[in-house]
Amino acid sequence: MVDERPALVMALFLGSQHVMVAASEEFARVSGSAAPIGQPVREAYVEHVWNAVIEMMDEVYETGVSLFADFPQGRLGFSPVRDGGRIVGVVSHYRVAVAPTAQRVEQFLGLTG
C-alpha cells in the first residue's frame, strides 16, 4: 500500500555557507539523496537546479525575511533561524501536496516534463 499522506520535509542549515545540521526523514526521498549532514549546501548539491534554492537561502540569511514558492507539487519555504536576534541559519520546509516519488521529485526539480 502506498502512503498518500502529504509529507513535510524540513532541514536546518547553519551559517552563511548553509551547513546542514539536521533533516527530516522525508528529506532524502524528496531531494533524491541522503541528507548531507555536516556539509555546506553548495558542496553537497552542485546540480544546476539547486542554484535557485541556494539563492533563496542566501536572501533569507541576509535579510531575515522568510521566502515561499508555490508549485503544483507543494509549497517550498525558507525562514531565518535566530539566536538572540542575530540570524544564525535558515530552516527549509517543504509541504508536499502528494506523496513524493522519484518521478514527482524530477518534475519538481524541472528534470522532466
Foldseek 3Di string as FASTA:
>chain_A
DDDWDKDKKKWWFWDLLRATADIDPCPCLLVVHDPPHRDRPCVVDVDPLCPVVNVQQNVCLVPQDKDWDADPQWIKIKGFDDDPNHTTTIMIITTGNTDGHPVVSCVVSVNDD
